[in-house]
């Protein structure tokens, strides 16, 4: 019994269902995740450092020029010239036809026919519409009949008057009978004059049934359709006709310019006027100043002017907004340069207007200038510049006094390297007799302002 008990105990201990479960091993990543994270961070930092070094080596350091500045600056230049410049007065104008006609019927009736198409160009006297003429033809016939009857009565009364005048001389009738007959003749005479007036009025009404264009121009949209009953009181009428050739533009100029304009007009000069589109980019037409208003508007300080244009190509349209350039005068022998060359600033500590003048050695000098009249993209220089001098028009924002520039169509010079003796500056011919002398004297020295 004891052995059985021992065997029973041994069997119970060796039975797997009584043993504790064995632990499974953890994955490598889970056990060493901290170390792997540190390695990954190190690898990323190393890659970033390598890319930074490559990028830094790929971008060369900016070339250094004379006086520790960057190399030559690429600029655009223009040459100041002597010539004439126009004094123009800019203004805003509205295209206004010389005649704007609202075609209305002058009689009442049914609109029987329409002879025009919308937008058609018509001439003076061209048929536009037809009112039913039959009532007016009948009225004319009636008036002519009345007039013919009264003419017969007048003729008979005149015969009786002549007969009575003879009988009165023979003392065959009373004087009163003769006077009554004379009054009757006068009465018939007045009746015939009234009949004549009524006949003329009926003829005029009959003419009004045929509506024609009063001016040469362009018709607009039809305001009433065929078959409608029209009257002289219709607000919109039948159609609107605008005279387009010639056409005018009404614009205003400041009162300060009135004296100069009136002086030119009184001397008999013809002042030309140019019309441009709304963006002021395309010229539409050329014309001439027609007249000036008789008073100045005290609220705006301007005076209205009217200019006339042939408008043969119909480029100007009624009520169109246009920009006007009124030629006031032409100034002779002016120093002219592009307006883009003008700079505003304080190069010497004083706010002024200046330009960059290009020297023979491809350096620039700050030059103070006095500006005159501006003519579009050109400006006159009253002082500070001579004809033939070259000025910078583009790239001036990166310049300073004495800076080296690279002119258009010239090869860029190596930054910081002085040209060899005898070589001419890029874009400029060498001075005759002294080739390369200036370069030899200034080699290795900083540029000086001129």
Protein backbone atom coordinates (compact mmCIF):
# COMPACT_ATOMS: atom_id res chain seq x y z
CA UNK A 1 0.00 0.00 0.00
CA UNK A 2 2.88 2.33 0.72
CA UNK A 3 4.46 1.63 -2.64
CA UNK A 4 1.24 2.32 -4.34
CA UNK A 5 0.93 5.55 -2.58
CA UNK A 6 4.47 6.52 -3.68
CA UNK A 7 3.83 5.52 -7.21
CA UNK A 8 0.69 7.51 -7.18
CA UNK A 9 2.58 10.54 -5.95
CA UNK A 10 5.31 10.10 -8.57
CA UNK A 11 2.83 9.85 -11.41
CA UNK A 12 1.01 12.96 -10.30
CA UNK A 13 4.26 14.99 -10.29
CA UNK A 14 5.31 13.86 -13.77
CA UNK A 15 1.91 14.58 -15.34
CA UNK A 16 2.27 17.57 -17.68
CA UNK A 17 -1.01 19.08 -16.73
CA UNK A 18 0.31 19.62 -13.23
CA UNK A 19 3.60 21.31 -14.44
CA UNK A 20 3.80 25.20 -14.76
CA UNK A 21 3.71 26.47 -18.41
CA UNK A 22 7.12 27.34 -19.96
CA UNK A 23 7.81 31.08 -20.89
CA UNK A 24 8.16 31.90 -24.63
CA UNK A 25 11.26 33.94 -25.67
CA UNK A 26 10.63 37.70 -26.59
CA UNK A 27 11.47 38.99 -30.14
CA UNK A 28 14.84 40.61 -30.72
CA UNK A 29 13.35 44.01 -31.62
CA UNK A 30 11.31 44.11 -28.46
CA UNK A 31 14.26 43.20 -26.30
CA UNK A 32 16.67 45.71 -27.88
CA UNK A 33 14.36 48.50 -29.12
CA UNK A 34 16.18 51.21 -27.21
CA UNK A 35 19.52 50.33 -28.76
CA UNK A 36 17.99 50.14 -32.24
CA UNK A 37 16.39 53.56 -31.78
CA UNK A 38 19.71 55.10 -30.82
CA UNK A 39 21.40 53.54 -33.86
CA UNK A 40 18.64 54.80 -36.17
CA UNK A 41 18.96 58.36 -34.87
CA UNK A 42 22.72 58.27 -35.36
CA UNK A 43 22.34 57.04 -38.94
CA UNK A 44 19.82 59.79 -39.78
CA UNK A 45 22.08 62.48 -38.32
CA UNK A 46 25.04 61.16 -40.30
CA UNK A 47 23.06 61.18 -43.55
CA UNK A 48 21.87 64.70 -42.91
CA UNK A 49 25.43 65.84 -42.19
CA UNK A 50 26.70 64.24 -45.41
CA UNK A 51 23.96 65.92 -47.49
CA UNK A 52 24.73 69.28 -45.89
CA UNK A 53 28.42 68.95 -46.77
CA UNK A 54 27.63 68.05 -50.39
CA UNK A 55 25.23 70.96 -50.76
CA UNK A 56 27.73 73.36 -49.27
CA UNK A 57 30.41 72.16 -51.66
CA UNK A 58 28.06 72.40 -54.66
CA UNK A 59 27.26 76.13 -54.06
CA UNK A 60 30.40 78.17 -54.74
CA UNK A 61 31.09 81.19 -52.66
CA UNK A 62 30.12 84.47 -54.33
CA UNK A 63 32.91 86.01 -56.29
CA UNK A 64 34.46 88.97 -54.68
CA UNK A 65 35.26 92.01 -56.74
CA UNK A 66 37.15 95.18 -56.12
CA UNK A 67 36.86 96.87 -52.77
CA UNK A 68 35.41 93.69 -51.24
CA UNK A 69 32.14 93.96 -53.23
CA UNK A 70 30.48 91.37 -55.46
CA UNK A 71 31.35 91.03 -59.15
CA UNK A 72 30.01 93.22 -61.99
CA UNK A 73 26.28 93.82 -61.98
CA UNK A 74 24.41 93.12 -65.22
CA UNK A 75 22.47 96.26 -66.20
CA UNK A 76 20.54 97.69 -69.13
CA UNK A 77 21.65 101.09 -70.41
CA UNK A 78 20.48 103.86 -72.72
CA UNK A 79 22.18 106.87 -74.27
CA UNK A 80 20.94 110.40 -73.63
CA UNK A 81 20.18 112.21 -76.89
CA UNK A 82 19.36 115.74 -77.96
CA UNK A 83 15.98 116.21 -79.62
CA UNK A 84 12.49 117.61 -79.44
CA UNK A 85 9.99 116.66 -76.77
CA UNK A 86 6.26 117.21 -76.74
CA UNK A 87 4.40 118.92 -73.91
CA UNK A 88 1.14 117.00 -73.52
CA UNK A 89 -1.78 117.49 -71.17
CA UNK A 90 -3.32 114.17 -70.07
CA UNK A 91 -7.06 114.05 -69.49
CA UNK A 92 -10.00 111.70 -69.19
CA UNK A 93 -12.71 111.98 -71.83
CA UNK A 94 -16.02 110.56 -72.98
CA UNK A 95 -16.87 109.95 -76.62
CA UNK A 96 -19.87 112.10 -77.53
CA UNK A 97 -21.60 112.10 -80.95
CA UNK A 98 -22.12 115.43 -82.69
CA UNK A 99 -25.79 114.49 -83.05
CA UNK A 100 -27.91 112.03 -81.11
CA UNK A 101 -31.44 111.77 -82.55
CA UNK A 102 -34.37 109.93 -81.03
CA UNK A 103 -36.59 109.24 -84.01
CA UNK A 104 -40.25 109.74 -83.01
CA UNK A 105 -43.41 109.87 -85.03
CA UNK A 106 -45.02 113.31 -85.36
CA UNK A 107 -48.46 111.89 -86.06
CA UNK A 108 -50.58 109.12 -84.61
CA UNK A 109 -51.16 105.93 -86.50
CA UNK A 110 -50.23 102.31 -87.01
CA UNK A 111 -46.56 101.51 -87.66
CA UNK A 112 -47.00 99.83 -91.01
CA UNK A 113 -43.41 99.12 -92.12
CA UNK A 114 -39.84 99.27 -90.77
CA UNK A 115 -37.12 99.73 -93.38
CA UNK A 116 -33.95 99.49 -91.25
CA UNK A 117 -32.10 96.71 -89.48
CA UNK A 118 -30.65 97.17 -86.02
CA UNK A 119 -27.11 98.53 -86.09
CA UNK A 120 -27.38 99.61 -89.73
CA UNK A 121 -25.41 102.61 -90.99
CA UNK A 122 -27.87 105.01 -92.64
CA UNK A 123 -27.51 108.26 -94.56
CA UNK A 124 -29.49 111.43 -94.14
CA UNK A 125 -32.86 111.04 -95.86
CA UNK A 126 -32.91 107.23 -95.84
CA UNK A 127 -36.33 105.72 -95.06
CA UNK A 128 -36.67 104.30 -91.56
CA UNK A 129 -40.38 103.56 -91.04
CA UNK A 130 -43.83 103.99 -92.58
CA UNK A 131 -47.02 105.03 -90.75
CA UNK A 132 -50.32 103.97 -92.32
CA UNK A 133 -50.97 106.87 -94.73
CA UNK A 134 -54.58 106.12 -95.69
CA UNK A 135 -56.32 108.28 -93.05
CA UNK A 136 -54.12 111.22 -93.98
CA UNK A 137 -54.63 110.74 -97.70
CA UNK A 138 -58.39 110.86 -97.11
CA UNK A 139 -58.05 113.99 -94.98
CA UNK A 140 -56.01 115.68 -97.69
CA UNK A 141 -58.60 114.81 -100.32
CA UNK A 142 -61.36 116.28 -98.14
CA UNK A 143 -59.44 119.51 -97.57
CA UNK A 144 -58.72 119.89 -101.27
CA UNK A 145 -62.46 119.40 -102.00
CA UNK A 146 -63.46 122.10 -99.55
CA UNK A 147 -60.89 124.44 -101.00
CA UNK A 148 -62.15 123.84 -104.53
CA UNK A 149 -65.75 124.55 -103.46
CA UNK A 150 -64.79 127.75 -101.71
CA UNK A 151 -62.79 128.86 -104.72
CA UNK A 152 -65.91 128.50 -106.88
CA UNK A 153 -67.98 130.50 -104.39
CA UNK A 154 -65.33 133.21 -104.37
CA UNK A 155 -65.30 133.39 -108.16
CA UNK A 156 -69.10 133.71 -108.28
CA UNK A 157 -69.05 136.42 -105.60
CA UNK A 158 -66.46 138.40 -107.55
CA UNK A 159 -68.64 138.27 -110.69
CA UNK A 160 -71.64 139.55 -108.72
CA UNK A 161 -69.49 142.30 -107.24
CA UNK A 162 -68.38 143.45 -110.68
CA UNK A 163 -72.02 143.41 -111.88
CA UNK A 164 -73.19 145.39 -108.84
CA UNK A 165 -70.52 148.01 -109.36
CA UNK A 166 -71.96 148.71 -112.83
CA UNK A 167 -75.55 148.85 -111.57
CA UNK A 168 -74.63 151.28 -108.81
CA UNK A 169 -73.23 153.68 -111.42
CA UNK A 170 -76.58 153.54 -113.24
CA UNK A 171 -78.30 154.03 -109.88
CA UNK A 172 -80.19 150.79 -110.42
CA UNK A 173 -79.40 149.25 -107.03
CA UNK A 174 -78.73 150.57 -103.59
CA UNK A 175 -75.19 151.19 -102.36
CA UNK A 176 -75.86 148.84 -99.46
CA UNK A 177 -76.24 145.90 -101.83
CA UNK A 178 -72.81 146.65 -103.32
CA UNK A 179 -71.19 146.88 -99.88
CA UNK A 180 -72.75 143.58 -98.81
CA UNK A 181 -71.38 141.90 -101.93
CA UNK A 182 -67.89 143.25 -101.26
CA UNK A 183 -68.03 141.83 -97.72
CA UNK A 184 -69.10 138.48 -99.13
CA UNK A 185 -66.12 138.46 -101.50
CA UNK A 186 -63.78 139.19 -98.58
CA UNK A 187 -65.41 136.40 -96.60
CA UNK A 188 -64.89 133.88 -99.37
CA UNK A 189 -61.32 135.07 -99.79
CA UNK A 190 -60.58 134.33 -96.11
CA UNK A 191 -62.28 130.97 -96.39
CA UNK A 192 -60.08 130.05 -99.33
CA UNK A 193 -56.94 131.04 -97.41
CA UNK A 194 -58.02 128.83 -94.50
CA UNK A 195 -58.72 126.00 -96.94
CA UNK A 196 -55.25 126.44 -98.42
CA UNK A 197 -53.68 126.20 -94.97
CA UNK A 198 -55.62 123.05 -94.17
CA UNK A 199 -54.53 121.48 -97.43
CA UNK A 200 -50.88 122.27 -96.66
CA UNK A 201 -51.26 120.83 -93.15
CA UNK A 202 -52.79 117.66 -94.55
CA UNK A 203 -49.89 117.35 -97.00
CA UNK A 204 -47.40 117.76 -94.17
CA UNK A 205 -49.13 115.05 -92.13
CA UNK A 206 -49.02 112.81 -95.16
CA UNK A 207 -45.27 113.44 -95.46
CA UNK A 208 -44.88 112.57 -91.77
CA UNK A 209 -46.22 109.10 -92.45
CA UNK A 210 -42.90 108.42 -94.22
CA UNK A 211 -40.18 108.66 -91.50
CA UNK A 212 -36.60 109.29 -92.72
CA UNK A 213 -33.24 109.62 -90.97
CA UNK A 214 -32.44 113.24 -90.10
CA UNK A 215 -28.65 112.63 -89.97
CA UNK A 216 -26.03 110.25 -91.30
CA UNK A 217 -25.15 107.76 -88.60
CA UNK A 218 -25.76 104.37 -87.06
CA UNK A 219 -29.15 103.24 -85.83
CA UNK A 220 -29.48 101.42 -82.54
CA UNK A 221 -31.90 98.80 -81.28
CA UNK A 222 -35.52 99.03 -82.43
CA UNK A 223 -37.76 100.41 -79.67
CA UNK A 224 -41.14 99.47 -81.19
CA UNK A 225 -42.23 96.64 -83.44
CA UNK A 226 -44.10 96.81 -86.69
CA UNK A 227 -47.88 96.84 -86.23
CA UNK A 228 -47.95 98.92 -83.04
CA UNK A 229 -49.97 102.11 -82.70
CA UNK A 230 -47.55 104.97 -82.20
CA UNK A 231 -48.05 108.52 -81.01
CA UNK A 232 -45.82 111.60 -80.71
CA UNK A 233 -45.85 111.18 -76.92
CA UNK A 234 -43.95 107.87 -76.95
CA UNK A 235 -40.91 108.34 -74.68
CA UNK A 236 -38.54 105.88 -76.36
CA UNK A 237 -39.52 106.73 -79.89
CA UNK A 238 -38.89 104.30 -82.73
CA UNK A 239 -35.08 104.16 -82.82
CA UNK A 240 -31.98 106.14 -81.77
CA UNK A 241 -29.56 107.43 -84.44
CA UNK A 242 -26.01 108.52 -83.50
CA UNK A 243 -23.74 110.46 -85.82
CA UNK A 244 -20.37 108.67 -85.75
CA UNK A 245 -18.37 110.29 -88.56
CA UNK A 246 -17.12 112.70 -87.43
CA UNK A 247 -17.41 112.19 -83.69
CA UNK A 248 -16.22 114.21 -80.71
CA UNK A 249 -14.70 113.62 -77.29
CA UNK A 250 -15.45 115.87 -74.33
CA UNK A 251 -12.70 116.06 -71.71
CA UNK A 252 -11.54 118.38 -68.93
CA UNK A 253 -8.16 119.95 -68.20
CA UNK A 254 -6.96 121.85 -65.10
CA UNK A 255 -7.54 125.58 -65.07
CA UNK A 256 -3.76 126.11 -64.85
CA UNK A 257 -3.44 124.98 -68.48
CA UNK A 258 -6.28 127.08 -69.86
CA UNK A 259 -4.18 130.19 -70.55
CA UNK A 260 -1.60 128.31 -72.60
CA UNK A 261 -4.28 126.49 -74.61
CA UNK A 262 -6.27 129.66 -75.31
CA UNK A 263 -3.10 131.45 -76.39
CA UNK A 264 -2.40 128.75 -78.97
CA UNK A 265 -6.00 128.82 -80.20
CA UNK A 266 -6.06 132.63 -80.55
CA UNK A 267 -2.85 132.49 -82.58
CA UNK A 268 -4.58 130.18 -85.07
CA UNK A 269 -2.65 127.03 -84.23
CA UNK A 270 -4.28 123.62 -84.56
CA UNK A 271 -3.86 121.62 -81.35
CA UNK A 272 -3.71 117.90 -82.04
CA UNK A 273 -5.42 115.42 -79.73
CA UNK A 274 -4.72 111.70 -79.34
CA UNK A 275 -7.27 109.25 -77.96
CA UNK A 276 -6.12 106.07 -76.18
CA UNK A 277 -8.09 103.12 -74.83
CA UNK A 278 -9.00 102.68 -71.17
CA UNK A 279 -5.71 100.95 -70.17
CA UNK A 280 -3.90 103.79 -71.98
CA UNK A 281 -1.95 101.25 -74.03
CA UNK A 282 -3.39 101.47 -77.56
CA UNK A 283 -3.94 104.65 -79.56
CA UNK A 284 -7.42 104.70 -81.04
CA UNK A 285 -7.54 107.88 -83.14
CA UNK A 286 -5.96 111.24 -83.92
CA UNK A 287 -7.99 114.42 -83.93
CA UNK A 288 -7.90 118.13 -83.30
CA UNK A 289 -9.20 120.48 -80.63
CA UNK A 290 -12.54 121.91 -81.71
CA UNK A 291 -13.58 124.32 -78.96
CA UNK A 292 -13.26 125.27 -75.30
CA UNK A 293 -16.13 125.81 -72.89
CA UNK A 294 -16.94 129.36 -71.82
CA UNK A 295 -16.47 128.89 -68.07
CA UNK A 296 -14.46 126.98 -65.46
CA UNK A 297 -16.20 124.55 -63.15
CA UNK A 298 -15.59 126.03 -59.70
CA UNK A 299 -16.25 122.70 -57.96
CA UNK A 300 -13.45 120.86 -59.79
CA UNK A 301 -11.24 123.69 -61.05
CA UNK A 302 -11.36 122.33 -64.60
CA UNK A 303 -12.70 123.47 -67.96
CA UNK A 304 -14.33 121.27 -70.60
CA UNK A 305 -12.97 120.95 -74.12
CA UNK A 306 -14.33 119.26 -77.23
CA UNK A 307 -12.08 117.49 -79.72
CA UNK A 308 -13.18 116.21 -83.12
CA UNK A 309 -12.12 112.92 -84.72
CA UNK A 310 -12.82 111.66 -88.25
CA UNK A 311 -13.48 108.15 -86.88
CA UNK A 312 -13.36 106.64 -90.36
CA UNK A 313 -12.68 103.18 -88.90
CA UNK A 314 -15.36 103.55 -86.17
CA UNK A 315 -12.76 102.96 -83.46
CA UNK A 316 -14.53 105.45 -81.17
CA UNK A 317 -17.92 104.45 -79.82
CA UNK A 318 -20.52 106.75 -78.22
CA UNK A 319 -20.16 107.07 -74.42
CA UNK A 320 -16.82 105.22 -74.53
CA UNK A 321 -14.26 106.10 -71.85
CA UNK A 322 -10.91 107.18 -73.37
CA UNK A 323 -7.62 108.69 -72.27
CA UNK A 324 -6.74 111.94 -73.99
CA UNK A 325 -3.33 113.46 -74.75
CA UNK A 326 -3.64 117.13 -75.76
CA UNK A 327 -0.49 118.44 -77.47
CA UNK A 328 0.16 121.83 -75.90
CA UNK A 329 3.64 122.64 -77.25
CA UNK A 330 6.87 121.18 -78.67
CA UNK A 331 10.18 122.01 -76.94
CA UNK A 332 13.24 122.05 -79.19
CA UNK A 333 16.81 120.85 -78.46
CA UNK A 334 16.19 119.06 -75.18
CA UNK A 335 18.39 116.40 -73.52
CA UNK A 336 16.16 113.33 -73.51
CA UNK A 337 16.57 110.00 -71.71
CA UNK A 338 14.26 107.11 -70.76
CA UNK A 339 12.07 107.72 -67.76
CA UNK A 340 13.19 104.37 -66.31
CA UNK A 341 16.67 105.79 -65.71
CA UNK A 342 15.41 108.24 -63.07
CA UNK A 343 16.18 107.34 -59.44
CA UNK A 344 14.89 108.95 -56.27
CA UNK A 345 16.82 108.86 -53.03
CA UNK A 346 19.48 110.53 -50.89
CA UNK A 347 22.89 109.35 -52.16
CA UNK A 348 24.64 112.29 -50.47
CA UNK A 349 22.34 112.56 -47.49
CA UNK A 350 19.95 114.91 -49.32
CA UNK A 351 16.78 113.69 -51.00
CA UNK A 352 17.15 114.31 -54.72
CA UNK A 353 16.66 112.89 -58.20
CA UNK A 354 19.68 111.18 -59.75
CA UNK A 355 20.88 108.74 -62.39
CA UNK A 356 23.73 106.24 -62.69
CA UNK A 357 26.09 107.36 -65.45
CA UNK A 358 28.24 104.61 -66.96
CA UNK A 359 31.93 105.55 -67.25
CA UNK A 360 34.45 104.34 -69.82
CA UNK A 361 35.84 101.72 -67.40
CA UNK A 362 32.39 100.13 -66.89
CA UNK A 363 31.87 101.76 -63.50
CA UNK A 364 28.96 103.98 -62.57
CA UNK A 365 28.81 107.45 -61.06
CA UNK A 366 25.88 108.94 -59.19
CA UNK A 367 24.80 112.10 -61.02
CA UNK A 368 22.16 114.50 -59.67
CA UNK A 369 19.81 115.69 -62.45
CA UNK A 370 17.02 118.22 -62.84
CA UNK A 371 14.05 116.87 -64.74
CA UNK A 372 11.88 118.75 -67.20
CA UNK A 373 8.87 117.70 -69.24
CA UNK A 374 7.77 114.06 -69.22
CA UNK A 375 6.55 112.64 -72.54
CA UNK A 376 5.33 109.10 -71.94
CA UNK A 377 8.41 106.89 -71.49
CA UNK A 378 10.78 109.80 -72.13
CA UNK A 379 11.79 112.68 -69.92
CA UNK A 380 13.71 115.87 -70.61
CA UNK A 381 16.74 116.70 -68.43
CA UNK A 382 17.19 120.39 -67.68
CA UNK A 383 20.57 120.04 -65.93
CA UNK A 384 23.07 117.38 -64.89
CA UNK A 385 23.37 115.34 -68.09
CA UNK A 386 24.85 115.77 -71.56
CA UNK A 387 23.93 114.24 -74.89
CA UNK A 388 25.84 111.03 -75.55
CA UNK A 389 26.26 109.98 -71.92
CA UNK A 390 25.12 106.46 -71.04
CA UNK A 391 22.74 105.94 -68.12
CA UNK A 392 21.51 102.79 -66.39
CA UNK A 393 17.85 101.97 -67.01
CA UNK A 394 17.56 98.53 -65.37
CA UNK A 395 19.48 96.97 -62.48
CA UNK A 396 20.11 100.23 -60.65
CA UNK A 397 18.71 98.87 -57.39
CA UNK A 398 21.90 96.82 -56.89
CA UNK A 399 24.33 99.63 -57.69
CA UNK A 400 26.32 102.14 -55.70
CA UNK A 401 28.65 104.94 -56.63
CA UNK A 402 31.74 103.42 -58.29
CA UNK A 403 30.26 99.93 -58.72
CA UNK A 404 31.40 97.74 -61.60
CA UNK A 405 28.71 96.92 -64.19
CA UNK A 406 28.38 94.43 -67.00
CA UNK A 407 26.92 96.01 -70.10
CA UNK A 408 24.57 94.17 -72.45
CA UNK A 409 26.19 92.03 -75.18
CA UNK A 410 29.53 91.98 -73.33
CA UNK A 411 31.30 89.00 -71.76
CA UNK A 412 31.44 89.12 -67.95
CA UNK A 413 34.92 89.78 -66.53
CA UNK A 414 36.29 87.43 -63.82
CA UNK A 415 35.36 88.84 -60.45
CA UNK A 416 38.27 90.35 -58.56
CA UNK A 417 40.69 90.10 -61.50
CA UNK A 418 41.94 93.26 -63.16
CA UNK A 419 42.16 93.18 -66.97
CA UNK A 420 45.52 92.97 -68.60
CA UNK A 421 47.26 96.04 -69.96
CA UNK A 422 45.94 97.07 -73.37
CA UNK A 423 42.56 95.39 -72.87
CA UNK A 424 39.46 97.57 -73.21
CA UNK A 425 36.53 97.43 -70.78
CA UNK A 426 33.67 95.18 -71.84
CA UNK A 427 31.19 96.93 -74.07
CA UNK A 428 33.38 100.04 -74.54
CA UNK A 429 36.13 100.84 -77.07
CA UNK A 430 39.59 101.66 -75.76
CA UNK A 431 40.50 105.32 -75.62
CA UNK A 432 42.72 106.21 -78.59
CA UNK A 433 46.38 106.76 -77.68
CA UNK A 434 46.14 105.40 -74.15
CA UNK A 435 45.21 101.71 -74.37
CA UNK A 436 45.09 100.05 -70.98
CA UNK A 437 46.78 102.93 -69.20
CA UNK A 438 43.87 103.45 -66.82
CA UNK A 439 43.76 99.78 -65.92
CA UNK A 440 47.48 99.73 -65.12
CA UNK A 441 47.20 102.69 -62.81
CA UNK A 442 44.16 101.36 -60.95
CA UNK A 443 45.18 97.72 -60.66
CA UNK A 444 44.67 96.51 -57.13
CA UNK A 445 43.18 99.82 -55.98
CA UNK A 446 39.55 100.32 -54.95
CA UNK A 447 37.35 102.29 -57.37
CA UNK A 448 36.85 105.95 -56.64
CA UNK A 449 33.71 107.94 -57.18
CA UNK A 450 33.77 110.33 -60.09
